Amino acid sequence: MELNKIYNENCLETMAKMPDCFVDLVVTSPPYDNLREYKGYSFDFEKIAKELFRVVKDGGVIVWVVGDATKDGCESLTSFKQAIYFVEQCGFKLHDTMIYEKETLPLTHRRYEQHFEYMFILVKGKLKTFNGLMEKSIHFGQSKVSAKNSASLNEKGSKQGGKLGKVMPNIQIEREYLGIRNRIKRT
């Protein structure tokens, strides 16, 4: 297995070339519920999940972005079934469930618009590294404490000068990403 090389092939073929405990991080949004045509490619979730457990290092992370199809007014529950399978059948721990809020076109049907997908953060064993996405905070360095201690915490927080100071919430919004991308293009 050659590092820093792109392999354009079935992921099961690629993972078969990898030794055990080879990968630190996997980020993927796999096909689900036959919502799209993938030129004859079939997606064997259970084999992929088990192979991921084999190739991910102890402390390694999988970010599994998935949603659910709706048929006859009922969601498929594929996302939850997959998360449960990762935990109960493979041995991963579900470290966090994040929500990816996406921009979608309005549809006309008898239900609320689906504006999100789940991002299951799965860990093999004990989490080794956490590098949370950070955002600016006017309350950096503060915590919920008595009024007696709040003055000293405010002073500490103000010394940060608007630096990145708190971990973002576990809802990630596509428009925030697009806004950042557009600001970068203008610079």
N, C-alpha and C. Protein backbone atom coordinates (compact mmCIF):
# COMPACT_ATOMS: atom_id res chain seq x y z
N MET A 1 0.85 -1.18 0.00
CA MET A 1 0.00 0.00 0.00
C MET A 1 0.89 1.23 0.00
N GLU A 2 0.77 2.04 -1.01
CA GLU A 2 1.60 3.24 -1.14
C GLU A 2 0.89 4.45 -0.52
N LEU A 3 1.57 5.16 0.36
CA LEU A 3 1.00 6.35 1.00
C LEU A 3 0.99 7.51 0.02
N ASN A 4 0.09 8.45 0.26
CA ASN A 4 -0.04 9.67 -0.55
C ASN A 4 -0.32 9.37 -2.02
N LYS A 5 -1.07 8.33 -2.25
CA LYS A 5 -1.47 7.95 -3.59
C LYS A 5 -2.98 7.76 -3.58
N ILE A 6 -3.65 8.21 -4.63
CA ILE A 6 -5.09 8.06 -4.74
C ILE A 6 -5.41 6.74 -5.43
N TYR A 7 -6.27 5.94 -4.80
CA TYR A 7 -6.70 4.67 -5.35
C TYR A 7 -8.16 4.82 -5.76
N ASN A 8 -8.44 4.73 -7.05
CA ASN A 8 -9.80 4.85 -7.56
C ASN A 8 -10.32 3.44 -7.82
N GLU A 9 -10.81 2.82 -6.75
CA GLU A 9 -11.29 1.45 -6.85
C GLU A 9 -12.29 1.19 -5.72
N ASN A 10 -12.89 0.04 -5.73
CA ASN A 10 -13.81 -0.36 -4.68
C ASN A 10 -13.08 -0.29 -3.33
N CYS A 11 -13.71 0.34 -2.34
CA CYS A 11 -13.04 0.53 -1.05
C CYS A 11 -12.67 -0.79 -0.38
N LEU A 12 -13.43 -1.86 -0.63
CA LEU A 12 -13.08 -3.15 -0.06
C LEU A 12 -11.77 -3.68 -0.66
N GLU A 13 -11.55 -3.44 -1.95
CA GLU A 13 -10.28 -3.83 -2.58
C GLU A 13 -9.12 -3.04 -1.98
N THR A 14 -9.34 -1.75 -1.80
CA THR A 14 -8.28 -0.90 -1.24
C THR A 14 -7.97 -1.29 0.20
N MET A 15 -8.99 -1.45 1.01
CA MET A 15 -8.75 -1.81 2.41
C MET A 15 -8.10 -3.18 2.55
N ALA A 16 -8.38 -4.10 1.62
CA ALA A 16 -7.77 -5.43 1.67
C ALA A 16 -6.25 -5.35 1.54
N LYS A 17 -5.75 -4.29 0.90
CA LYS A 17 -4.30 -4.09 0.74
C LYS A 17 -3.66 -3.49 2.00
N MET A 18 -4.47 -3.00 2.91
CA MET A 18 -3.95 -2.32 4.10
C MET A 18 -3.70 -3.32 5.23
N PRO A 19 -2.63 -3.10 5.97
CA PRO A 19 -2.42 -3.94 7.16
C PRO A 19 -3.41 -3.55 8.26
N ASP A 20 -3.49 -4.36 9.28
CA ASP A 20 -4.33 -4.04 10.43
C ASP A 20 -3.86 -2.74 11.06
N CYS A 21 -4.80 -2.01 11.64
CA CYS A 21 -4.50 -0.78 12.39
C CYS A 21 -3.62 0.18 11.59
N PHE A 22 -4.06 0.56 10.42
CA PHE A 22 -3.28 1.34 9.47
C PHE A 22 -3.75 2.78 9.35
N VAL A 23 -5.03 3.05 9.63
CA VAL A 23 -5.65 4.34 9.33
C VAL A 23 -6.00 5.09 10.62
N ASP A 24 -5.68 6.39 10.65
CA ASP A 24 -6.03 7.22 11.81
C ASP A 24 -7.43 7.79 11.71
N LEU A 25 -7.85 8.19 10.50
CA LEU A 25 -9.11 8.91 10.33
C LEU A 25 -9.75 8.54 9.00
N VAL A 26 -11.05 8.29 9.05
CA VAL A 26 -11.85 8.06 7.85
C VAL A 26 -13.00 9.06 7.88
N VAL A 27 -13.18 9.81 6.80
CA VAL A 27 -14.32 10.71 6.66
C VAL A 27 -15.02 10.32 5.36
N THR A 28 -16.29 9.93 5.47
CA THR A 28 -16.98 9.45 4.29
C THR A 28 -18.47 9.74 4.35
N SER A 29 -19.06 9.89 3.19
CA SER A 29 -20.50 10.00 3.04
C SER A 29 -20.90 8.94 2.01
N PRO A 30 -21.08 7.72 2.49
CA PRO A 30 -21.32 6.61 1.56
C PRO A 30 -22.73 6.64 0.98
N PRO A 31 -22.94 5.92 -0.11
CA PRO A 31 -24.29 5.83 -0.66
C PRO A 31 -25.22 5.09 0.30
N TYR A 32 -26.46 5.47 0.34
CA TYR A 32 -27.41 4.78 1.20
C TYR A 32 -28.78 4.76 0.55
N ASP A 33 -29.52 3.73 0.83
CA ASP A 33 -30.92 3.59 0.43
C ASP A 33 -31.16 3.68 -1.07
N ASN A 34 -30.18 3.37 -1.88
CA ASN A 34 -30.35 3.38 -3.34
C ASN A 34 -30.94 4.70 -3.85
N LEU A 35 -30.53 5.81 -3.26
CA LEU A 35 -31.05 7.12 -3.68
C LEU A 35 -30.41 7.61 -4.97
N ARG A 36 -29.25 7.08 -5.32
CA ARG A 36 -28.57 7.49 -6.55
C ARG A 36 -28.08 6.25 -7.28
N GLU A 37 -27.84 6.42 -8.54
CA GLU A 37 -27.28 5.36 -9.37
C GLU A 37 -25.76 5.49 -9.33
N TYR A 38 -25.07 4.41 -9.02
CA TYR A 38 -23.61 4.43 -8.95
C TYR A 38 -22.99 3.49 -9.98
N LYS A 39 -23.52 3.53 -11.19
CA LYS A 39 -22.98 2.77 -12.33
C LYS A 39 -22.74 1.29 -11.98
N GLY A 40 -23.71 0.68 -11.34
CA GLY A 40 -23.63 -0.74 -11.04
C GLY A 40 -22.88 -1.08 -9.77
N TYR A 41 -22.30 -0.09 -9.11
CA TYR A 41 -21.56 -0.37 -7.88
C TYR A 41 -22.53 -0.74 -6.78
N SER A 42 -22.23 -1.81 -6.07
CA SER A 42 -23.05 -2.19 -4.93
C SER A 42 -22.30 -1.85 -3.65
N PHE A 43 -23.04 -1.50 -2.64
CA PHE A 43 -22.49 -1.02 -1.38
C PHE A 43 -22.81 -2.04 -0.30
N ASP A 44 -21.82 -2.86 0.07
CA ASP A 44 -22.02 -3.88 1.10
C ASP A 44 -21.62 -3.30 2.44
N PHE A 45 -22.59 -2.65 3.09
CA PHE A 45 -22.30 -1.93 4.33
C PHE A 45 -21.64 -2.80 5.39
N GLU A 46 -22.16 -3.99 5.63
CA GLU A 46 -21.63 -4.82 6.72
C GLU A 46 -20.17 -5.21 6.49
N LYS A 47 -19.82 -5.60 5.26
CA LYS A 47 -18.42 -5.94 4.96
C LYS A 47 -17.52 -4.71 5.13
N ILE A 48 -18.00 -3.56 4.66
CA ILE A 48 -17.21 -2.33 4.77
C ILE A 48 -17.01 -1.96 6.23
N ALA A 49 -18.06 -2.05 7.04
CA ALA A 49 -17.96 -1.70 8.47
C ALA A 49 -16.94 -2.59 9.18
N LYS A 50 -16.99 -3.88 8.92
CA LYS A 50 -16.05 -4.81 9.57
C LYS A 50 -14.62 -4.56 9.11
N GLU A 51 -14.46 -4.28 7.83
CA GLU A 51 -13.11 -4.01 7.30
C GLU A 51 -12.58 -2.69 7.86
N LEU A 52 -13.45 -1.71 8.03
CA LEU A 52 -13.03 -0.44 8.65
C LEU A 52 -12.52 -0.69 10.07
N PHE A 53 -13.21 -1.54 10.81
CA PHE A 53 -12.74 -1.82 12.18
C PHE A 53 -11.35 -2.45 12.15
N ARG A 54 -11.09 -3.28 11.17
CA ARG A 54 -9.78 -3.92 11.06
C ARG A 54 -8.68 -2.91 10.73
N VAL A 55 -8.93 -1.99 9.80
CA VAL A 55 -7.86 -1.11 9.34
C VAL A 55 -7.68 0.16 10.17
N VAL A 56 -8.69 0.54 10.96
CA VAL A 56 -8.57 1.74 11.78
C VAL A 56 -7.71 1.43 13.01
N LYS A 57 -6.80 2.35 13.32
CA LYS A 57 -5.92 2.21 14.48
C LYS A 57 -6.71 2.33 15.78
N ASP A 58 -6.17 1.79 16.86
CA ASP A 58 -6.75 2.02 18.17
C ASP A 58 -6.71 3.51 18.45
N GLY A 59 -7.83 4.07 18.86
CA GLY A 59 -7.94 5.51 19.08
C GLY A 59 -8.31 6.26 17.82
N GLY A 60 -8.40 5.56 16.68
CA GLY A 60 -8.75 6.17 15.41
C GLY A 60 -10.23 6.48 15.31
N VAL A 61 -10.58 7.32 14.34
CA VAL A 61 -11.93 7.86 14.24
C VAL A 61 -12.49 7.66 12.83
N ILE A 62 -13.79 7.39 12.78
CA ILE A 62 -14.55 7.40 11.53
C ILE A 62 -15.62 8.46 11.66
N VAL A 63 -15.73 9.33 10.66
CA VAL A 63 -16.83 10.28 10.57
C VAL A 63 -17.72 9.73 9.45
N TRP A 64 -18.88 9.22 9.82
CA TRP A 64 -19.78 8.53 8.90
C TRP A 64 -21.00 9.43 8.67
N VAL A 65 -21.07 10.06 7.50
CA VAL A 65 -22.14 11.01 7.19
C VAL A 65 -23.20 10.26 6.39
N VAL A 66 -24.41 10.19 6.95
CA VAL A 66 -25.45 9.39 6.31
C VAL A 66 -26.83 9.95 6.67
N GLY A 67 -27.78 9.72 5.81
CA GLY A 67 -29.15 10.14 6.05
C GLY A 67 -30.10 8.98 5.81
N ASP A 68 -31.36 9.29 5.64
CA ASP A 68 -32.38 8.27 5.43
C ASP A 68 -33.26 8.64 4.26
N ALA A 69 -33.63 7.65 3.49
CA ALA A 69 -34.61 7.85 2.43
C ALA A 69 -36.00 7.84 3.07
N THR A 70 -36.95 8.41 2.37
CA THR A 70 -38.34 8.38 2.81
C THR A 70 -39.15 7.66 1.74
N LYS A 71 -39.89 6.65 2.17
CA LYS A 71 -40.72 5.89 1.24
C LYS A 71 -42.07 5.67 1.90
N ASP A 72 -43.10 5.99 1.17
CA ASP A 72 -44.48 5.86 1.67
C ASP A 72 -44.67 6.59 3.00
N GLY A 73 -44.04 7.78 3.13
CA GLY A 73 -44.21 8.59 4.31
C GLY A 73 -43.43 8.14 5.54
N CYS A 74 -42.49 7.20 5.36
CA CYS A 74 -41.74 6.68 6.50
C CYS A 74 -40.24 6.73 6.20
N GLU A 75 -39.47 7.24 7.13
CA GLU A 75 -38.01 7.25 6.97
C GLU A 75 -37.47 5.83 7.14
N SER A 76 -36.41 5.51 6.43
CA SER A 76 -35.87 4.15 6.40
C SER A 76 -35.16 3.73 7.69
N LEU A 77 -34.68 4.69 8.46
CA LEU A 77 -33.89 4.44 9.67
C LEU A 77 -32.52 3.81 9.38
N THR A 78 -32.09 3.87 8.13
CA THR A 78 -30.79 3.33 7.75
C THR A 78 -29.67 3.92 8.60
N SER A 79 -29.71 5.23 8.84
CA SER A 79 -28.64 5.89 9.59
C SER A 79 -28.50 5.27 10.97
N PHE A 80 -29.60 5.10 11.67
CA PHE A 80 -29.55 4.53 13.01
C PHE A 80 -29.13 3.07 13.00
N LYS A 81 -29.64 2.32 12.02
CA LYS A 81 -29.27 0.91 11.91
C LYS A 81 -27.76 0.77 11.69
N GLN A 82 -27.19 1.66 10.87
CA GLN A 82 -25.75 1.60 10.63
C GLN A 82 -24.96 1.96 11.88
N ALA A 83 -25.38 2.99 12.60
CA ALA A 83 -24.68 3.37 13.84
C ALA A 83 -24.72 2.23 14.84
N ILE A 84 -25.87 1.60 14.99
CA ILE A 84 -26.00 0.48 15.93
C ILE A 84 -25.13 -0.69 15.49
N TYR A 85 -25.07 -0.97 14.20
CA TYR A 85 -24.24 -2.05 13.69
C TYR A 85 -22.76 -1.79 14.00
N PHE A 86 -22.29 -0.57 13.76
CA PHE A 86 -20.90 -0.22 14.05
C PHE A 86 -20.57 -0.51 15.52
N VAL A 87 -21.49 -0.20 16.41
CA VAL A 87 -21.24 -0.38 17.84
C VAL A 87 -21.42 -1.84 18.27
N GLU A 88 -22.57 -2.43 17.96
CA GLU A 88 -22.89 -3.75 18.48
C GLU A 88 -22.22 -4.89 17.73
N GLN A 89 -21.99 -4.76 16.44
CA GLN A 89 -21.43 -5.86 15.66
C GLN A 89 -19.93 -5.71 15.37
N CYS A 90 -19.44 -4.47 15.37
CA CYS A 90 -18.04 -4.24 15.00
C CYS A 90 -17.16 -3.90 16.20
N GLY A 91 -17.70 -3.23 17.20
CA GLY A 91 -16.91 -2.89 18.37
C GLY A 91 -16.51 -1.43 18.48
N PHE A 92 -16.98 -0.57 17.56
CA PHE A 92 -16.70 0.86 17.67
C PHE A 92 -17.50 1.44 18.83
N LYS A 93 -17.06 2.60 19.30
CA LYS A 93 -17.82 3.39 20.26
C LYS A 93 -18.39 4.59 19.52
N LEU A 94 -19.64 4.94 19.82
CA LEU A 94 -20.24 6.13 19.23
C LEU A 94 -19.86 7.31 20.11
N HIS A 95 -18.84 8.04 19.69
CA HIS A 95 -18.28 9.14 20.47
C HIS A 95 -19.19 10.36 20.46
N ASP A 96 -19.79 10.66 19.30
CA ASP A 96 -20.65 11.83 19.18
C ASP A 96 -21.56 11.64 17.98
N THR A 97 -22.70 12.27 18.04
CA THR A 97 -23.60 12.34 16.89
C THR A 97 -23.73 13.80 16.54
N MET A 98 -23.21 14.16 15.39
CA MET A 98 -23.26 15.54 14.93
C MET A 98 -24.34 15.65 13.85
N ILE A 99 -24.79 16.85 13.63
CA ILE A 99 -25.77 17.12 12.59
C ILE A 99 -25.12 18.00 11.54
N TYR A 100 -25.21 17.58 10.28
CA TYR A 100 -24.73 18.38 9.17
C TYR A 100 -25.96 19.01 8.53
N GLU A 101 -26.13 20.31 8.76
CA GLU A 101 -27.27 21.01 8.19
C GLU A 101 -26.91 21.46 6.79
N LYS A 102 -27.69 21.03 5.81
CA LYS A 102 -27.37 21.34 4.42
C LYS A 102 -28.46 22.19 3.79
N GLU A 103 -28.05 22.94 2.80
CA GLU A 103 -29.00 23.73 2.03
C GLU A 103 -29.67 22.80 1.03
N THR A 104 -30.98 22.84 0.97
CA THR A 104 -31.70 21.99 0.02
C THR A 104 -32.75 22.83 -0.70
N LEU A 105 -33.15 22.33 -1.82
CA LEU A 105 -34.22 22.98 -2.58
C LEU A 105 -35.55 22.63 -1.95
N PRO A 106 -36.46 23.59 -1.85
CA PRO A 106 -37.77 23.27 -1.28
C PRO A 106 -38.54 22.33 -2.21
N LEU A 107 -39.14 21.34 -1.61
CA LEU A 107 -39.97 20.40 -2.35
C LEU A 107 -41.41 20.59 -1.90
N THR A 108 -42.32 20.09 -2.68
CA THR A 108 -43.72 20.21 -2.30
C THR A 108 -44.26 18.81 -2.02
N HIS A 109 -44.28 18.46 -0.79
CA HIS A 109 -44.87 17.20 -0.37
C HIS A 109 -45.39 17.35 1.05
N ARG A 110 -45.89 16.33 1.62
CA ARG A 110 -46.58 16.42 2.90
C ARG A 110 -45.67 16.08 4.07
N ARG A 111 -44.55 16.81 4.16
CA ARG A 111 -43.63 16.60 5.28
C ARG A 111 -42.67 17.78 5.35
N TYR A 112 -41.97 17.91 6.47
CA TYR A 112 -40.95 18.94 6.58
C TYR A 112 -39.78 18.59 5.67
N GLU A 113 -39.08 19.62 5.21
CA GLU A 113 -37.93 19.40 4.34
C GLU A 113 -36.77 18.81 5.14
N GLN A 114 -36.08 17.87 4.56
CA GLN A 114 -34.94 17.22 5.21
C GLN A 114 -33.71 18.09 4.96
N HIS A 115 -33.30 18.85 5.95
CA HIS A 115 -32.19 19.78 5.82
C HIS A 115 -30.94 19.30 6.53
N PHE A 116 -30.84 18.02 6.87
CA PHE A 116 -29.66 17.57 7.60
C PHE A 116 -29.35 16.11 7.31
N GLU A 117 -28.13 15.75 7.64
CA GLU A 117 -27.71 14.36 7.67
C GLU A 117 -26.98 14.15 8.99
N TYR A 118 -26.94 12.92 9.44
CA TYR A 118 -26.22 12.60 10.67
C TYR A 118 -24.74 12.43 10.35
N MET A 119 -23.91 12.85 11.27
CA MET A 119 -22.46 12.60 11.20
C MET A 119 -22.13 11.81 12.46
N PHE A 120 -22.04 10.49 12.33
CA PHE A 120 -21.70 9.65 13.48
C PHE A 120 -20.18 9.64 13.63
N ILE A 121 -19.72 10.03 14.80
CA ILE A 121 -18.30 10.03 15.10
C ILE A 121 -18.02 8.74 15.87
N LEU A 122 -17.39 7.80 15.20
CA LEU A 122 -17.12 6.48 15.76
C LEU A 122 -15.64 6.36 16.12
N VAL A 123 -15.36 5.75 17.26
CA VAL A 123 -13.99 5.61 17.73
C VAL A 123 -13.69 4.15 17.99
N LYS A 124 -12.51 3.73 17.60
CA LYS A 124 -12.06 2.38 17.92
C LYS A 124 -11.27 2.46 19.23
N GLY A 125 -11.82 1.91 20.29
CA GLY A 125 -11.17 1.97 21.59
C GLY A 125 -11.33 3.34 22.21
N LYS A 126 -10.26 3.80 22.85
CA LYS A 126 -10.28 5.10 23.52
C LYS A 126 -9.79 6.18 22.56
N LEU A 127 -10.53 7.29 22.47
CA LEU A 127 -10.17 8.39 21.58
C LEU A 127 -8.75 8.85 21.86
N LYS A 128 -7.94 8.89 20.82
CA LYS A 128 -6.52 9.24 20.95
C LYS A 128 -6.32 10.75 20.87
N THR A 129 -6.96 11.41 19.92
CA THR A 129 -6.75 12.84 19.68
C THR A 129 -8.08 13.51 19.42
N PHE A 130 -8.27 14.71 19.99
CA PHE A 130 -9.45 15.51 19.69
C PHE A 130 -8.99 16.90 19.32
N ASN A 131 -9.19 17.29 18.09
CA ASN A 131 -8.91 18.64 17.60
C ASN A 131 -10.22 19.25 17.17
N GLY A 132 -10.97 19.74 18.14
CA GLY A 132 -12.29 20.29 17.86
C GLY A 132 -12.21 21.54 17.01
N LEU A 133 -13.22 21.74 16.17
CA LEU A 133 -13.32 22.98 15.41
C LEU A 133 -13.59 24.10 16.39
N MET A 134 -12.84 25.17 16.29
CA MET A 134 -12.95 26.27 17.25
C MET A 134 -13.63 27.47 16.62
N GLU A 135 -14.24 28.28 17.47
CA GLU A 135 -14.85 29.52 17.03
C GLU A 135 -14.55 30.61 18.04
N LYS A 136 -14.68 31.87 17.59
CA LYS A 136 -14.45 32.99 18.48
C LYS A 136 -15.52 33.02 19.56
N SER A 137 -15.14 33.54 20.71
CA SER A 137 -16.08 33.62 21.81
C SER A 137 -15.78 34.84 22.66
N ILE A 138 -16.79 35.65 22.89
CA ILE A 138 -16.58 36.81 23.77
C ILE A 138 -16.47 36.35 25.22
N HIS A 139 -16.87 35.11 25.48
CA HIS A 139 -16.81 34.58 26.85
C HIS A 139 -15.67 33.60 27.02
N PHE A 140 -14.65 33.67 26.15
CA PHE A 140 -13.53 32.74 26.24
C PHE A 140 -12.92 32.79 27.64
N GLY A 141 -12.71 31.63 28.22
CA GLY A 141 -12.10 31.56 29.54
C GLY A 141 -13.10 31.62 30.66
N GLN A 142 -14.36 31.85 30.34
CA GLN A 142 -15.39 31.95 31.37
C GLN A 142 -16.10 30.62 31.54
N SER A 143 -16.65 30.45 32.69
CA SER A 143 -17.52 29.32 32.93
C SER A 143 -18.66 29.80 33.80
N LYS A 144 -19.64 28.97 33.99
CA LYS A 144 -20.78 29.36 34.83
C LYS A 144 -20.33 29.31 36.28
N VAL A 145 -20.05 30.47 36.84
CA VAL A 145 -19.58 30.56 38.22
C VAL A 145 -20.33 31.67 38.93
N SER A 146 -20.07 31.81 40.19
CA SER A 146 -20.74 32.84 40.97
C SER A 146 -20.31 34.23 40.52
N ALA A 147 -21.11 35.24 40.87
CA ALA A 147 -20.80 36.63 40.52
C ALA A 147 -19.47 37.05 41.11
N LYS A 148 -19.11 36.48 42.26
CA LYS A 148 -17.85 36.79 42.93
C LYS A 148 -16.64 36.52 42.03
N ASN A 149 -16.69 35.41 41.30
CA ASN A 149 -15.56 35.03 40.45
C ASN A 149 -15.66 35.55 39.03
N SER A 150 -16.81 36.07 38.63
CA SER A 150 -17.01 36.44 37.23
C SER A 150 -16.11 37.59 36.78
N ALA A 151 -15.78 38.54 37.66
CA ALA A 151 -14.93 39.66 37.27
C ALA A 151 -13.55 39.19 36.84
N SER A 152 -12.97 38.26 37.60
CA SER A 152 -11.63 37.79 37.23
C SER A 152 -11.68 36.97 35.94
N LEU A 153 -12.75 36.21 35.73
CA LEU A 153 -12.87 35.44 34.50
C LEU A 153 -13.07 36.36 33.31
N ASN A 154 -13.87 37.42 33.48
CA ASN A 154 -14.07 38.37 32.38
C ASN A 154 -12.76 39.01 32.00
N GLU A 155 -11.95 39.32 32.98
CA GLU A 155 -10.65 39.93 32.71
C GLU A 155 -9.78 38.97 31.91
N LYS A 156 -9.76 37.69 32.31
CA LYS A 156 -8.97 36.69 31.59
C LYS A 156 -9.48 36.55 30.16
N GLY A 157 -10.80 36.51 30.00
CA GLY A 157 -11.38 36.35 28.67
C GLY A 157 -11.07 37.53 27.78
N SER A 158 -11.13 38.73 28.31
CA SER A 158 -10.90 39.92 27.48
C SER A 158 -9.46 40.01 27.01
N LYS A 159 -8.54 39.40 27.73
CA LYS A 159 -7.13 39.42 27.32
C LYS A 159 -6.90 38.59 26.06
N GLN A 160 -7.84 37.73 25.72
CA GLN A 160 -7.67 36.87 24.55
C GLN A 160 -7.85 37.64 23.25
N GLY A 161 -8.48 38.81 23.29
CA GLY A 161 -8.60 39.65 22.10
C GLY A 161 -9.38 39.02 20.97
N GLY A 162 -10.41 38.26 21.28
CA GLY A 162 -11.26 37.68 20.23
C GLY A 162 -10.62 36.48 19.54
N LYS A 163 -9.68 35.84 20.18
CA LYS A 163 -9.07 34.65 19.59
C LYS A 163 -10.06 33.50 19.60
N LEU A 164 -9.73 32.49 18.83
CA LEU A 164 -10.58 31.30 18.84
C LEU A 164 -10.55 30.74 20.25
N GLY A 165 -11.73 30.53 20.82
CA GLY A 165 -11.72 30.20 22.21
C GLY A 165 -12.66 29.13 22.69
N LYS A 166 -13.54 28.62 21.84
CA LYS A 166 -14.40 27.55 22.33
C LYS A 166 -14.67 26.57 21.19
N VAL A 167 -14.94 25.35 21.59
CA VAL A 167 -15.25 24.32 20.61
C VAL A 167 -16.64 24.59 20.05
N MET A 168 -16.76 24.48 18.75
CA MET A 168 -18.05 24.72 18.08
C MET A 168 -19.06 23.66 18.51
N PRO A 169 -20.35 23.96 18.37
CA PRO A 169 -21.37 22.96 18.70
C PRO A 169 -21.36 21.82 17.68
N ASN A 170 -22.06 20.74 18.02
CA ASN A 170 -22.04 19.58 17.12
C ASN A 170 -23.10 19.64 16.03
N ILE A 171 -23.48 20.85 15.64
CA ILE A 171 -24.29 21.06 14.45
C ILE A 171 -23.44 21.90 13.50
N GLN A 172 -23.10 21.33 12.35
CA GLN A 172 -22.27 22.02 11.36
C GLN A 172 -23.17 22.46 10.22
N ILE A 173 -23.10 23.73 9.89
CA ILE A 173 -24.03 24.29 8.91
C ILE A 173 -23.31 24.54 7.59
N GLU A 174 -23.88 24.04 6.51
CA GLU A 174 -23.28 24.17 5.19
C GLU A 174 -23.08 25.63 4.81
N ARG A 175 -24.04 26.50 5.14
CA ARG A 175 -23.89 27.91 4.74
C ARG A 175 -22.71 28.56 5.45
N GLU A 176 -22.37 28.13 6.67
CA GLU A 176 -21.18 28.66 7.34
C GLU A 176 -19.93 28.25 6.57
N TYR A 177 -19.90 27.00 6.13
CA TYR A 177 -18.78 26.53 5.33
C TYR A 177 -18.68 27.33 4.03
N LEU A 178 -19.82 27.52 3.36
CA LEU A 178 -19.82 28.27 2.10
C LEU A 178 -19.39 29.71 2.32
N GLY A 179 -19.81 30.31 3.42
CA GLY A 179 -19.40 31.68 3.74
C GLY A 179 -17.90 31.79 3.94
N ILE A 180 -17.31 30.82 4.62
CA ILE A 180 -15.86 30.81 4.83
C ILE A 180 -15.15 30.67 3.48
N ARG A 181 -15.65 29.77 2.65
CA ARG A 181 -15.05 29.53 1.35
C ARG A 181 -15.11 30.79 0.49
N ASN A 182 -16.25 31.50 0.50
CA ASN A 182 -16.38 32.72 -0.28
C ASN A 182 -15.46 33.83 0.21
N ARG A 183 -15.28 33.94 1.52
CA ARG A 183 -14.36 34.94 2.06
C ARG A 183 -12.93 34.65 1.64
N ILE A 184 -12.57 33.39 1.57
CA ILE A 184 -11.21 33.01 1.16
C ILE A 184 -10.99 33.38 -0.30
N LYS A 185 -11.99 33.17 -1.16
CA LYS A 185 -11.87 33.50 -2.58
C LYS A 185 -11.66 34.99 -2.81
N ARG A 186 -12.30 35.83 -1.97
CA ARG A 186 -12.19 37.29 -2.14
C ARG A 186 -10.85 37.82 -1.69
N THR A 187 -10.12 37.10 -0.87
CA THR A 187 -8.84 37.61 -0.38
C THR A 187 -7.73 37.45 -1.35
